[in-house]
N, C-alpha and C. Protein backbone atom coordinates (compact mmCIF):
# COMPACT_ATOMS: atom_id res chain seq x y z
N MET A 1 9.04 -8.66 7.44
CA MET A 1 7.93 -8.73 7.28
C MET A 1 7.71 -7.77 5.98
N GLY A 2 7.06 -8.18 4.94
CA GLY A 2 6.96 -6.84 3.69
C GLY A 2 5.50 -6.75 4.03
N THR A 3 5.27 -5.57 3.01
CA THR A 3 3.97 -4.96 3.29
C THR A 3 3.63 -4.57 1.54
N SER A 4 2.43 -4.62 1.69
CA SER A 4 1.89 -4.14 -0.18
C SER A 4 2.23 -2.67 -0.21
N ASN A 5 3.24 -2.57 -1.38
CA ASN A 5 3.46 -0.96 -1.15
C ASN A 5 2.14 -0.28 -1.83
N PHE A 6 1.25 -0.89 -2.95
CA PHE A 6 -0.06 0.02 -3.07
C PHE A 6 -1.61 -0.66 -2.07
N ALA A 7 -2.37 0.09 -2.41
CA ALA A 7 -3.47 -0.20 -1.52
C ALA A 7 -4.86 -0.92 -2.82
N ARG A 8 -5.33 -2.15 -2.29
CA ARG A 8 -5.92 -2.50 -3.24
C ARG A 8 -6.98 -1.55 -3.87
N PRO A 9 -7.60 -1.35 -5.30
CA PRO A 9 -7.73 -0.64 -5.88
C PRO A 9 -9.67 -1.00 -5.39
N GLN A 10 -10.47 0.31 -5.13
CA GLN A 10 -11.89 0.15 -4.85
C GLN A 10 -12.90 0.05 -5.77
N HIS A 11 -12.56 1.27 -6.71
CA HIS A 11 -12.94 0.93 -7.99
C HIS A 11 -12.93 1.15 -9.64
N VAL A 12 -11.44 1.00 -9.69
CA VAL A 12 -11.37 0.74 -10.80
C VAL A 12 -10.48 -0.32 -10.71
N SER A 13 -10.09 -0.70 -12.03
CA SER A 13 -10.50 -2.38 -12.69
C SER A 13 -8.62 -2.70 -12.64
N CYS A 14 -7.63 -1.48 -12.06
CA CYS A 14 -6.07 -2.01 -11.88
C CYS A 14 -5.28 -1.35 -11.08
N THR A 15 -4.58 -1.33 -10.27
CA THR A 15 -3.39 -0.46 -9.65
C THR A 15 -2.48 0.72 -10.69
N TYR A 16 -3.01 1.51 -10.86
CA TYR A 16 -2.20 3.31 -12.06
C TYR A 16 -1.67 3.46 -11.10
N ALA A 17 0.31 2.86 -11.25
CA ALA A 17 1.06 3.56 -10.26
C ALA A 17 1.72 4.84 -11.05
N ILE A 18 1.79 5.52 -9.83
CA ILE A 18 2.49 7.07 -10.70
C ILE A 18 3.65 6.91 -9.59
N LEU A 19 4.74 8.42 -10.15
CA LEU A 19 5.69 9.01 -9.36
C LEU A 19 6.39 7.95 -8.63
N LEU A 20 6.96 6.70 -9.28
CA LEU A 20 8.07 5.80 -8.96
C LEU A 20 9.31 6.27 -8.95
N ASN A 21 9.95 5.52 -7.78
CA ASN A 21 11.47 6.34 -8.46
C ASN A 21 12.16 5.45 -9.74
N ARG A 22 12.80 6.48 -10.04
CA ARG A 22 14.07 6.28 -11.52
C ARG A 22 14.99 6.11 -11.20
N TYR A 23 15.29 5.04 -11.57
CA TYR A 23 16.83 4.69 -11.97
C TYR A 23 17.84 5.91 -12.68
N ASP A 24 18.80 6.14 -11.80
CA ASP A 24 20.08 6.72 -13.14
C ASP A 24 21.13 5.73 -12.93
N GLU A 25 21.18 5.41 -14.30
CA GLU A 25 22.37 4.62 -14.49
C GLU A 25 23.85 5.27 -14.19
N GLU A 26 23.32 6.56 -14.60
CA GLU A 26 24.95 7.11 -14.43
C GLU A 26 25.60 6.88 -13.01
N ASN A 27 24.55 7.84 -12.07
CA ASN A 27 25.10 7.70 -10.60
C ASN A 27 24.78 6.46 -10.20
N ASP A 28 24.19 5.59 -10.56
CA ASP A 28 23.60 3.72 -9.86
C ASP A 28 22.83 4.17 -8.70
N GLU A 29 22.18 4.82 -9.12
CA GLU A 29 20.92 4.93 -7.51
C GLU A 29 19.74 5.57 -8.08
N TYR A 30 19.00 5.40 -7.40
CA TYR A 30 17.04 5.66 -7.80
C TYR A 30 16.92 6.78 -7.33
N ASN A 31 16.24 7.38 -7.81
CA ASN A 31 15.79 9.24 -7.64
C ASN A 31 14.13 9.18 -7.28
N THR A 32 13.81 9.64 -6.01
CA THR A 32 12.52 9.83 -5.79
C THR A 32 12.07 11.08 -6.32
N PRO A 33 10.93 11.53 -6.80
CA PRO A 33 10.17 12.67 -6.96
C PRO A 33 10.08 13.34 -5.79
N ASP A 34 10.59 14.49 -6.31
CA ASP A 34 10.26 15.61 -5.16
C ASP A 34 8.93 16.01 -4.93
N SER A 35 8.73 17.02 -4.14
CA SER A 35 7.61 17.67 -4.39
C SER A 35 6.50 18.63 -5.43
N ASP A 36 7.62 19.17 -5.95
CA ASP A 36 7.13 19.56 -7.24
C ASP A 36 7.03 19.05 -8.08
N ASP A 37 7.39 17.65 -8.24
CA ASP A 37 7.30 16.94 -9.18
C ASP A 37 5.79 15.72 -8.70
N VAL A 38 5.61 15.83 -7.90
CA VAL A 38 4.28 15.58 -6.82
C VAL A 38 3.16 16.40 -7.44
N ASP A 39 3.16 17.77 -7.00
CA ASP A 39 2.70 18.40 -7.03
C ASP A 39 2.31 18.72 -8.64
N ALA A 40 2.79 18.62 -9.67
CA ALA A 40 2.75 18.79 -11.18
C ALA A 40 1.72 17.87 -11.98
N VAL A 41 2.20 16.80 -10.91
CA VAL A 41 1.45 15.74 -11.65
C VAL A 41 0.36 15.83 -11.20
N LYS A 42 -0.34 16.01 -9.43
CA LYS A 42 -1.32 15.91 -9.61
C LYS A 42 -2.67 16.84 -10.23
N GLU A 43 -1.63 18.11 -10.26
CA GLU A 43 -2.20 19.78 -11.06
C GLU A 43 -2.91 19.13 -12.88
N ASN A 44 -1.70 18.26 -13.29
CA ASN A 44 -1.73 17.55 -14.22
C ASN A 44 -3.38 16.58 -14.43
N ILE A 45 -3.31 16.04 -13.42
CA ILE A 45 -4.27 15.64 -13.75
C ILE A 45 -5.80 16.18 -13.33
N ARG A 46 -6.15 16.67 -12.54
CA ARG A 46 -7.06 17.74 -12.36
C ARG A 46 -7.50 18.62 -13.08
N ASP A 47 -6.48 19.01 -14.48
CA ASP A 47 -7.05 19.54 -15.65
C ASP A 47 -7.33 18.54 -16.54
N MET A 48 -6.87 17.61 -16.53
CA MET A 48 -7.32 16.21 -17.53
C MET A 48 -8.67 15.74 -16.89
N LEU A 49 -8.92 15.66 -15.76
CA LEU A 49 -10.00 15.01 -14.94
C LEU A 49 -11.19 16.21 -15.45
N PHE A 50 -10.90 17.59 -15.25
CA PHE A 50 -11.49 18.58 -15.62
C PHE A 50 -12.16 18.91 -16.99
N GLU A 51 -11.41 18.56 -18.02
CA GLU A 51 -11.75 18.36 -19.63
C GLU A 51 -12.66 17.32 -20.11
N LYS A 52 -12.41 16.17 -19.18
CA LYS A 52 -13.82 15.02 -19.25
C LYS A 52 -15.27 15.77 -19.40
N ASP A 53 -15.12 16.70 -17.66
CA ASP A 53 -16.38 17.05 -18.07
C ASP A 53 -16.69 18.64 -17.06
N LYS A 54 -16.52 19.33 -17.96
CA LYS A 54 -16.22 20.66 -17.09
C LYS A 54 -17.72 21.32 -16.02
N ASP A 55 -19.11 20.96 -16.61
CA ASP A 55 -19.75 21.24 -15.95
C ASP A 55 -20.37 20.28 -14.49
N ASN A 56 -19.11 19.19 -14.27
CA ASN A 56 -20.07 18.63 -13.20
C ASN A 56 -18.58 18.55 -11.99
N TYR A 57 -17.43 19.17 -12.88
CA TYR A 57 -16.18 18.73 -12.14
C TYR A 57 -15.90 20.01 -11.00
N SER A 58 -15.25 19.63 -10.17
CA SER A 58 -15.42 20.98 -9.41
C SER A 58 -13.50 20.18 -8.45
N PHE A 59 -12.57 21.88 -8.87
CA PHE A 59 -11.21 20.97 -8.15
C PHE A 59 -11.16 21.25 -6.83
N GLU A 60 -12.35 21.13 -5.71
CA GLU A 60 -12.36 21.16 -4.06
C GLU A 60 -13.18 19.66 -4.38
N SER A 61 -12.92 19.47 -3.04
CA SER A 61 -13.91 18.10 -2.63
C SER A 61 -13.92 18.10 -1.52
N SER A 62 -15.51 17.48 -1.41
CA SER A 62 -15.91 17.35 -0.06
C SER A 62 -15.48 15.98 0.80
N PHE A 63 -14.13 15.18 0.12
CA PHE A 63 -13.53 14.16 0.85
C PHE A 63 -12.93 14.13 1.82
N GLY A 64 -13.29 14.33 3.27
CA GLY A 64 -12.77 14.91 4.62
C GLY A 64 -12.31 13.64 5.29
N ARG A 65 -11.05 12.84 4.28
CA ARG A 65 -10.46 12.06 5.23
C ARG A 65 -9.26 12.62 6.01
N ALA A 66 -8.58 12.26 6.83
CA ALA A 66 -7.45 12.44 8.05
C ALA A 66 -6.24 11.49 7.69
N CYS A 67 -6.27 10.76 6.22
CA CYS A 67 -5.20 9.91 6.42
C CYS A 67 -4.17 10.74 5.34
N GLU A 68 -3.54 9.32 4.21
CA GLU A 68 -2.55 9.90 3.33
C GLU A 68 -3.53 10.53 2.04
N LYS A 69 -4.40 9.98 1.93
CA LYS A 69 -5.11 9.76 0.51
C LYS A 69 -5.31 11.37 -0.14
N GLN A 70 -5.36 12.00 -1.18
CA GLN A 70 -5.71 13.16 -0.97
C GLN A 70 -6.34 13.21 -2.62
N ALA A 71 -7.23 14.26 -2.29
CA ALA A 71 -8.44 14.14 -3.04
C ALA A 71 -8.21 15.10 -4.37
N LEU A 72 -8.63 14.56 -5.84
CA LEU A 72 -8.13 14.98 -6.91
C LEU A 72 -9.06 16.09 -7.67
N GLY A 73 -10.16 16.63 -6.63
CA GLY A 73 -11.56 17.12 -7.22
C GLY A 73 -12.38 16.29 -7.49
N GLU A 74 -13.60 16.62 -8.03
CA GLU A 74 -14.72 15.45 -7.49
C GLU A 74 -15.70 16.58 -8.51
N PHE A 75 -16.59 14.95 -9.24
CA PHE A 75 -17.48 15.03 -10.20
C PHE A 75 -18.51 14.87 -9.02
N ARG A 76 -19.66 16.50 -9.23
CA ARG A 76 -20.86 15.82 -8.22
C ARG A 76 -22.13 15.62 -9.73
N LEU A 77 -22.74 14.75 -9.37
CA LEU A 77 -23.69 13.91 -10.11
C LEU A 77 -25.21 13.55 -9.00
N GLY A 78 -26.12 13.41 -9.88
CA GLY A 78 -27.64 13.48 -9.66
C GLY A 78 -28.27 12.70 -10.41
N VAL A 79 -28.97 12.41 -9.88
CA VAL A 79 -30.46 11.36 -10.21
C VAL A 79 -31.61 11.35 -9.97
N THR A 80 -32.27 11.56 -10.28
CA THR A 80 -33.81 11.78 -9.63
C THR A 80 -34.65 10.75 -10.65
N VAL A 81 -35.39 9.76 -9.75
CA VAL A 81 -36.82 9.20 -10.38
C VAL A 81 -37.64 9.12 -9.64
N GLY A 82 -38.43 10.03 -9.93
CA GLY A 82 -40.09 10.20 -9.05
C GLY A 82 -39.75 11.14 -8.12
N GLU A 83 -39.62 10.61 -6.71
CA GLU A 83 -39.73 11.70 -5.86
C GLU A 83 -38.31 11.26 -5.30
N ILE A 84 -37.71 10.32 -5.57
CA ILE A 84 -36.61 10.24 -5.32
C ILE A 84 -35.30 10.93 -6.23
N ASP A 85 -34.51 11.53 -4.89
CA ASP A 85 -33.26 12.42 -5.90
C ASP A 85 -32.38 11.98 -5.02
N ILE A 86 -30.78 11.34 -5.67
CA ILE A 86 -29.98 11.01 -5.36
C ILE A 86 -28.53 12.06 -5.90
N ASP A 87 -28.01 12.50 -5.01
CA ASP A 87 -26.54 13.54 -5.32
C ASP A 87 -25.80 12.85 -4.88
N ILE A 88 -24.46 12.36 -5.41
CA ILE A 88 -23.56 11.67 -5.41
C ILE A 88 -22.12 12.71 -6.29
N GLN A 89 -21.12 12.00 -5.38
CA GLN A 89 -19.70 12.67 -5.26
C GLN A 89 -18.88 11.69 -5.70
N VAL A 90 -18.12 11.45 -7.24
CA VAL A 90 -17.01 10.50 -7.66
C VAL A 90 -15.88 11.33 -7.57
N VAL A 91 -15.13 10.92 -6.83
CA VAL A 91 -14.05 11.55 -5.79
C VAL A 91 -12.74 10.77 -6.46
N PRO A 92 -12.04 11.26 -7.59
CA PRO A 92 -10.55 10.21 -7.51
C PRO A 92 -9.62 11.28 -7.12
N TYR A 93 -8.82 10.17 -6.43
CA TYR A 93 -7.99 10.45 -5.34
C TYR A 93 -6.42 9.70 -5.82
N PHE A 94 -5.38 10.45 -5.22
CA PHE A 94 -3.72 9.24 -5.25
C PHE A 94 -3.81 9.04 -3.84
N ASP A 95 -3.42 7.94 -3.71
CA ASP A 95 -3.04 7.49 -2.17
C ASP A 95 -1.95 6.74 -2.72
N PRO A 96 -0.61 7.64 -1.50
CA PRO A 96 0.83 7.44 -1.48
C PRO A 96 1.17 5.76 -1.09
N GLY A 97 2.08 5.47 -2.26
CA GLY A 97 2.20 4.29 -1.98
C GLY A 97 3.21 3.87 -0.73
N TYR A 98 3.11 2.78 0.07
CA TYR A 98 4.18 2.50 1.73
C TYR A 98 5.35 2.85 1.22
N TYR A 99 6.10 2.16 -0.14
CA TYR A 99 7.38 2.41 -0.10
C TYR A 99 7.93 3.31 -0.65
N GLU A 100 7.10 3.50 -2.62
CA GLU A 100 7.50 4.28 -3.33
C GLU A 100 6.11 4.89 -4.00
N GLY A 101 6.15 5.93 -4.60
CA GLY A 101 5.26 6.33 -5.84
C GLY A 101 3.72 6.09 -4.90
N ALA A 102 2.67 6.47 -5.64
CA ALA A 102 1.79 6.52 -5.65
C ALA A 102 0.61 5.29 -6.64
N ASN A 103 -0.81 5.59 -6.02
CA ASN A 103 -2.16 4.73 -6.81
C ASN A 103 -2.93 5.73 -6.86
N LEU A 104 -3.79 5.88 -8.17
CA LEU A 104 -4.78 6.67 -8.16
C LEU A 104 -6.02 5.66 -8.17
N ASP A 105 -7.54 5.98 -7.41
CA ASP A 105 -8.25 5.43 -7.24
C ASP A 105 -9.39 6.16 -7.29
N ILE A 106 -10.44 5.44 -7.08
CA ILE A 106 -12.06 6.25 -6.64
C ILE A 106 -12.66 5.96 -5.50
N SER A 107 -12.89 7.33 -5.04
CA SER A 107 -14.21 6.79 -3.92
C SER A 107 -15.54 7.60 -4.70
N LEU A 108 -16.54 6.49 -3.95
CA LEU A 108 -18.38 7.02 -4.13
C LEU A 108 -18.26 7.54 -2.74
N LEU A 109 -18.85 8.86 -2.74
CA LEU A 109 -19.45 9.76 -1.56
C LEU A 109 -20.88 9.51 -1.79
N TYR A 110 -22.05 9.58 -0.70
CA TYR A 110 -23.53 10.07 -0.89
C TYR A 110 -22.87 11.01 0.98
N GLU A 111 -23.93 12.25 0.60
CA GLU A 111 -23.88 12.92 1.91
C GLU A 111 -22.74 13.12 2.77
N GLY A 112 -21.66 13.01 2.11
CA GLY A 112 -20.04 12.88 2.48
C GLY A 112 -19.75 11.36 3.41
N ASP A 113 -20.42 10.43 3.25
CA ASP A 113 -20.23 9.18 3.68
C ASP A 113 -19.30 8.31 2.33
N GLU A 114 -18.45 7.19 2.69
CA GLU A 114 -17.76 6.75 1.41
C GLU A 114 -18.80 5.35 1.34
N TYR A 115 -19.54 5.09 0.22
CA TYR A 115 -19.72 3.91 -0.06
C TYR A 115 -19.00 2.86 -0.85
N GLU A 116 -19.57 1.44 -0.59
CA GLU A 116 -18.63 0.74 -1.80
C GLU A 116 -19.13 0.61 -3.12
N SER A 117 -20.43 1.02 -3.06
CA SER A 117 -21.18 0.60 -4.30
C SER A 117 -22.58 1.39 -4.18
N THR A 118 -23.10 1.62 -5.34
CA THR A 118 -24.63 2.53 -5.69
C THR A 118 -25.57 1.76 -4.68
N ASP A 119 -25.93 0.32 -4.92
CA ASP A 119 -26.50 -0.31 -4.05
C ASP A 119 -27.09 0.16 -2.71
N ASP A 120 -25.89 0.71 -1.94
CA ASP A 120 -25.43 0.46 -0.93
C ASP A 120 -26.46 1.80 -0.26
N ILE A 121 -25.74 3.01 -1.51
CA ILE A 121 -26.61 4.52 -1.17
C ILE A 121 -28.30 3.75 -1.67
N VAL A 122 -28.75 3.46 -2.17
CA VAL A 122 -29.94 3.33 -2.67
C VAL A 122 -30.79 2.82 -1.78
N SER A 123 -30.12 1.68 -1.20
CA SER A 123 -30.75 1.01 0.10
C SER A 123 -30.80 1.82 1.49
N ASP A 124 -29.86 2.76 1.85
CA ASP A 124 -29.58 3.74 2.84
C ASP A 124 -30.93 4.79 2.59
N VAL A 125 -31.01 5.24 1.20
CA VAL A 125 -32.22 6.35 0.95
C VAL A 125 -33.91 5.88 0.82
N VAL A 126 -33.33 4.58 0.36
CA VAL A 126 -34.73 3.64 0.79
C VAL A 126 -35.17 3.62 2.11
N GLN A 127 -34.23 3.01 3.20
CA GLN A 127 -34.45 2.96 4.37
C GLN A 127 -35.03 4.07 5.46
N TYR A 128 -35.04 5.41 4.71
CA TYR A 128 -34.90 6.62 5.57
C TYR A 128 -36.14 7.86 4.79
N PHE A 129 -36.40 7.05 3.69
CA PHE A 129 -36.94 7.97 3.00
C PHE A 129 -38.84 7.85 3.41
N ASP A 130 -39.29 9.02 3.18
CA ASP A 130 -40.93 9.10 3.81
C ASP A 130 -41.85 9.08 2.38
N PRO A 131 -41.92 8.13 1.61
CA PRO A 131 -42.75 8.68 0.80
C PRO A 131 -44.43 9.31 0.48
N GLU A 132 -44.53 9.75 -0.39
CA GLU A 132 -46.12 10.36 -0.32
C GLU A 132 -46.96 9.09 -0.98
N ASN A 133 -46.48 8.42 -2.17
CA ASN A 133 -47.05 7.35 -2.81
C ASN A 133 -46.41 6.14 -2.18
N PRO A 134 -46.51 4.72 -1.75
CA PRO A 134 -45.54 4.26 -0.90
C PRO A 134 -45.36 2.87 -2.38
N GLY A 135 -46.34 3.17 -3.20
CA GLY A 135 -46.28 1.64 -4.04
C GLY A 135 -45.62 2.47 -5.38
N LEU A 136 -45.85 3.58 -5.66
CA LEU A 136 -44.83 4.40 -6.57
C LEU A 136 -43.43 4.27 -6.38
N PHE A 137 -43.07 4.75 -4.86
CA PHE A 137 -41.86 4.96 -4.29
C PHE A 137 -41.51 3.35 -4.45
N ALA A 138 -42.06 2.29 -4.61
CA ALA A 138 -40.96 0.83 -4.38
C ALA A 138 -40.72 0.46 -6.06
N ILE A 139 -41.34 1.26 -6.53
CA ILE A 139 -41.31 0.89 -8.27
C ILE A 139 -40.57 1.99 -8.82
N HIS A 140 -40.08 3.15 -8.39
CA HIS A 140 -38.84 4.12 -8.06
C HIS A 140 -37.36 3.52 -8.00
N SER A 141 -38.06 3.11 -6.71
CA SER A 141 -36.86 2.70 -6.11
C SER A 141 -36.02 1.05 -6.53
N LYS A 142 -36.38 0.20 -7.30
CA LYS A 142 -36.22 -0.43 -8.35
C LYS A 142 -35.48 0.33 -9.77
N LEU A 143 -36.08 1.08 -10.15
CA LEU A 143 -35.67 1.79 -10.97
C LEU A 143 -34.50 2.94 -10.88
N ILE A 144 -34.02 3.48 -9.80
CA ILE A 144 -33.07 4.11 -9.60
C ILE A 144 -31.75 3.54 -9.67
N VAL A 145 -31.72 2.04 -9.01
CA VAL A 145 -30.36 0.99 -9.02
C VAL A 145 -29.86 1.60 -10.56
N PRO A 146 -30.11 0.71 -11.06
CA PRO A 146 -29.87 0.93 -12.92
C PRO A 146 -29.27 2.25 -13.08
N LYS A 147 -30.18 2.98 -12.94
CA LYS A 147 -29.67 4.86 -13.38
C LYS A 147 -28.15 4.90 -12.89
N LEU A 148 -28.69 4.96 -11.44
CA LEU A 148 -27.11 5.26 -10.61
C LEU A 148 -26.22 4.49 -11.08
N GLU A 149 -26.19 3.45 -11.48
CA GLU A 149 -25.23 2.23 -11.59
C GLU A 149 -24.34 2.66 -12.80
N LYS A 150 -25.72 2.98 -14.21
CA LYS A 150 -25.00 3.30 -15.09
C LYS A 150 -23.90 4.81 -14.94
N LEU A 151 -24.91 5.76 -14.08
CA LEU A 151 -24.26 7.01 -14.03
C LEU A 151 -23.14 6.62 -13.44
N PHE A 152 -22.64 6.20 -12.58
CA PHE A 152 -20.87 6.21 -11.52
C PHE A 152 -20.37 5.33 -12.55
N ASP A 153 -20.53 4.13 -13.45
CA ASP A 153 -19.79 3.48 -14.59
C ASP A 153 -19.17 4.55 -15.34
N SER A 154 -19.98 5.07 -15.76
CA SER A 154 -19.69 6.35 -16.76
C SER A 154 -18.38 6.99 -16.38
N TYR A 155 -18.18 7.75 -15.16
CA TYR A 155 -17.65 8.34 -15.02
C TYR A 155 -16.33 7.26 -14.62
N VAL A 156 -16.73 6.26 -13.80
CA VAL A 156 -15.64 5.63 -13.61
C VAL A 156 -14.78 5.21 -15.05
N LYS A 157 -14.91 5.18 -15.67
CA LYS A 157 -14.59 4.96 -17.33
C LYS A 157 -13.65 6.02 -17.59
N LYS A 158 -14.62 7.19 -17.64
CA LYS A 158 -14.07 8.61 -17.67
C LYS A 158 -12.87 8.71 -17.01
N ILE A 159 -12.99 8.79 -15.64
CA ILE A 159 -11.92 8.78 -14.84
C ILE A 159 -10.13 7.51 -14.98
N GLU A 160 -10.64 6.67 -15.77
CA GLU A 160 -9.47 5.12 -15.88
C GLU A 160 -9.01 5.85 -16.77
N GLU A 161 -9.76 6.42 -17.79
CA GLU A 161 -9.01 6.90 -19.15
C GLU A 161 -7.69 8.20 -18.83
N VAL A 162 -8.29 9.05 -18.00
CA VAL A 162 -6.88 10.17 -17.47
C VAL A 162 -5.87 9.16 -16.74
N PHE A 163 -6.03 8.14 -15.65
CA PHE A 163 -5.59 7.43 -15.13
C PHE A 163 -4.61 6.58 -15.64
N SER A 164 -5.56 6.11 -16.81
CA SER A 164 -4.33 5.81 -18.03
C SER A 164 -3.62 6.08 -18.66
N ASP A 165 -3.29 7.33 -18.90
CA ASP A 165 -2.52 8.33 -19.64
C ASP A 165 -1.70 8.35 -18.67
N VAL A 166 -1.70 9.08 -18.10
CA VAL A 166 -0.92 9.51 -16.85
C VAL A 166 -0.03 8.72 -15.97
N SER A 167 -0.67 7.30 -15.68
CA SER A 167 0.45 6.02 -15.23
C SER A 167 1.63 5.77 -15.68
N GLU A 168 2.19 5.45 -14.95
CA GLU A 168 3.59 4.87 -15.12
C GLU A 168 3.53 3.71 -15.30
N GLU A 169 2.84 2.90 -14.45
CA GLU A 169 2.78 1.31 -14.46
C GLU A 169 1.38 1.16 -14.25
N LYS A 170 0.78 0.17 -14.93
CA LYS A 170 -0.57 -0.39 -15.11
C LYS A 170 -0.40 -1.95 -14.41
N LEU A 171 -0.56 -2.54 -13.06
CA LEU A 171 -0.37 -3.54 -12.48
C LEU A 171 -1.75 -4.13 -11.71
N ARG A 172 -2.03 -5.27 -11.79
CA ARG A 172 -3.24 -6.45 -11.12
C ARG A 172 -2.42 -6.83 -10.21
N ARG A 173 -2.63 -7.02 -9.21
CA ARG A 173 -2.41 -7.86 -7.75
C ARG A 173 -2.67 -9.46 -7.96
N ILE A 174 -1.88 -10.01 -8.19
CA ILE A 174 -1.96 -11.58 -8.44
C ILE A 174 -1.85 -12.32 -7.15
N GLY A 175 -0.93 -12.14 -6.02
CA GLY A 175 -1.37 -12.88 -4.65
C GLY A 175 -0.29 -11.98 -3.78
N THR A 176 -0.63 -12.19 -2.40
CA THR A 176 0.36 -12.27 -1.69
C THR A 176 0.84 -13.23 -0.47
N ALA A 177 1.95 -13.19 -0.40
CA ALA A 177 2.54 -14.46 0.34
C ALA A 177 2.43 -13.92 2.31
N SER A 178 2.25 -14.72 2.51
CA SER A 178 2.32 -14.58 3.75
C SER A 178 2.76 -13.85 4.68
N ASN A 179 4.47 -13.55 4.30
CA ASN A 179 5.41 -12.58 4.94
C ASN A 179 5.03 -11.18 4.05
N GLY A 180 3.83 -11.07 3.26
CA GLY A 180 3.21 -9.62 3.36
C GLY A 180 3.82 -9.34 1.91
N GLU A 181 4.44 -10.37 0.69
CA GLU A 181 5.37 -9.70 -0.12
C GLU A 181 4.07 -9.79 -1.25
N THR A 182 4.06 -8.65 -1.78
CA THR A 182 2.99 -8.61 -3.21
C THR A 182 3.08 -8.92 -4.58
N PHE A 183 2.31 -9.83 -5.05
CA PHE A 183 3.14 -10.11 -6.58
C PHE A 183 1.83 -9.06 -7.75
N TYR A 184 2.70 -8.84 -8.79
CA TYR A 184 1.87 -7.77 -9.17
C TYR A 184 2.17 -8.68 -10.97
N GLU A 185 1.37 -8.13 -11.83
CA GLU A 185 1.35 -9.08 -13.37
C GLU A 185 0.92 -7.45 -13.89
N THR A 186 1.49 -7.47 -15.19
CA THR A 186 0.40 -6.07 -16.34
C THR A 186 -0.41 -6.16 -16.29
N CYS A 187 -1.10 -4.83 -15.66
CA CYS A 187 -2.65 -4.93 -16.39
C CYS A 187 -2.79 -5.05 -18.04
N LYS A 188 -3.70 -5.39 -18.22
CA LYS A 188 -3.99 -5.19 -19.64
C LYS A 188 -5.07 -4.04 -20.10
N SER A 189 -6.22 -4.07 -19.27
CA SER A 189 -6.82 -2.94 -19.71
C SER A 189 -6.69 -1.37 -19.62
């Protein structure tokens, strides 16, 4: 039974594959990148991300996963509308492939928890917030969603520019067979 090599992208437009095995024609074999190659690629990505926004990028990350995913720093961002103040972390990460290489993706964090969307974050904030002025709060809670979404999307774009520059393959999943084999096409974005 086959297994997909790369995880499905969460917040990026395609699978940005890096550190793939290289075919050595002279020896008729594939060479796998060593740990020095992996460290060099990760450091290069971190430096490129830092250059995108030096004020909001941190080389450290609050991405507290106990699995293979490895944070490549994080962008710490905030949005305020009226009484509502939301601080998020946009975390680019490196996710090793099942068979070879790795793919690059982004996680969205609020207070250390991972979220699928900015709407989910605002929904949680609104649920537990005790406003001084409930009417004004209702208006502000509707205004913060597009503001937060616009901010998040702008950082996804910045991060994808870096991912695009460093990826060896840009792939889009087009299907998975019942045996687990996954089919990709070249991503055009």
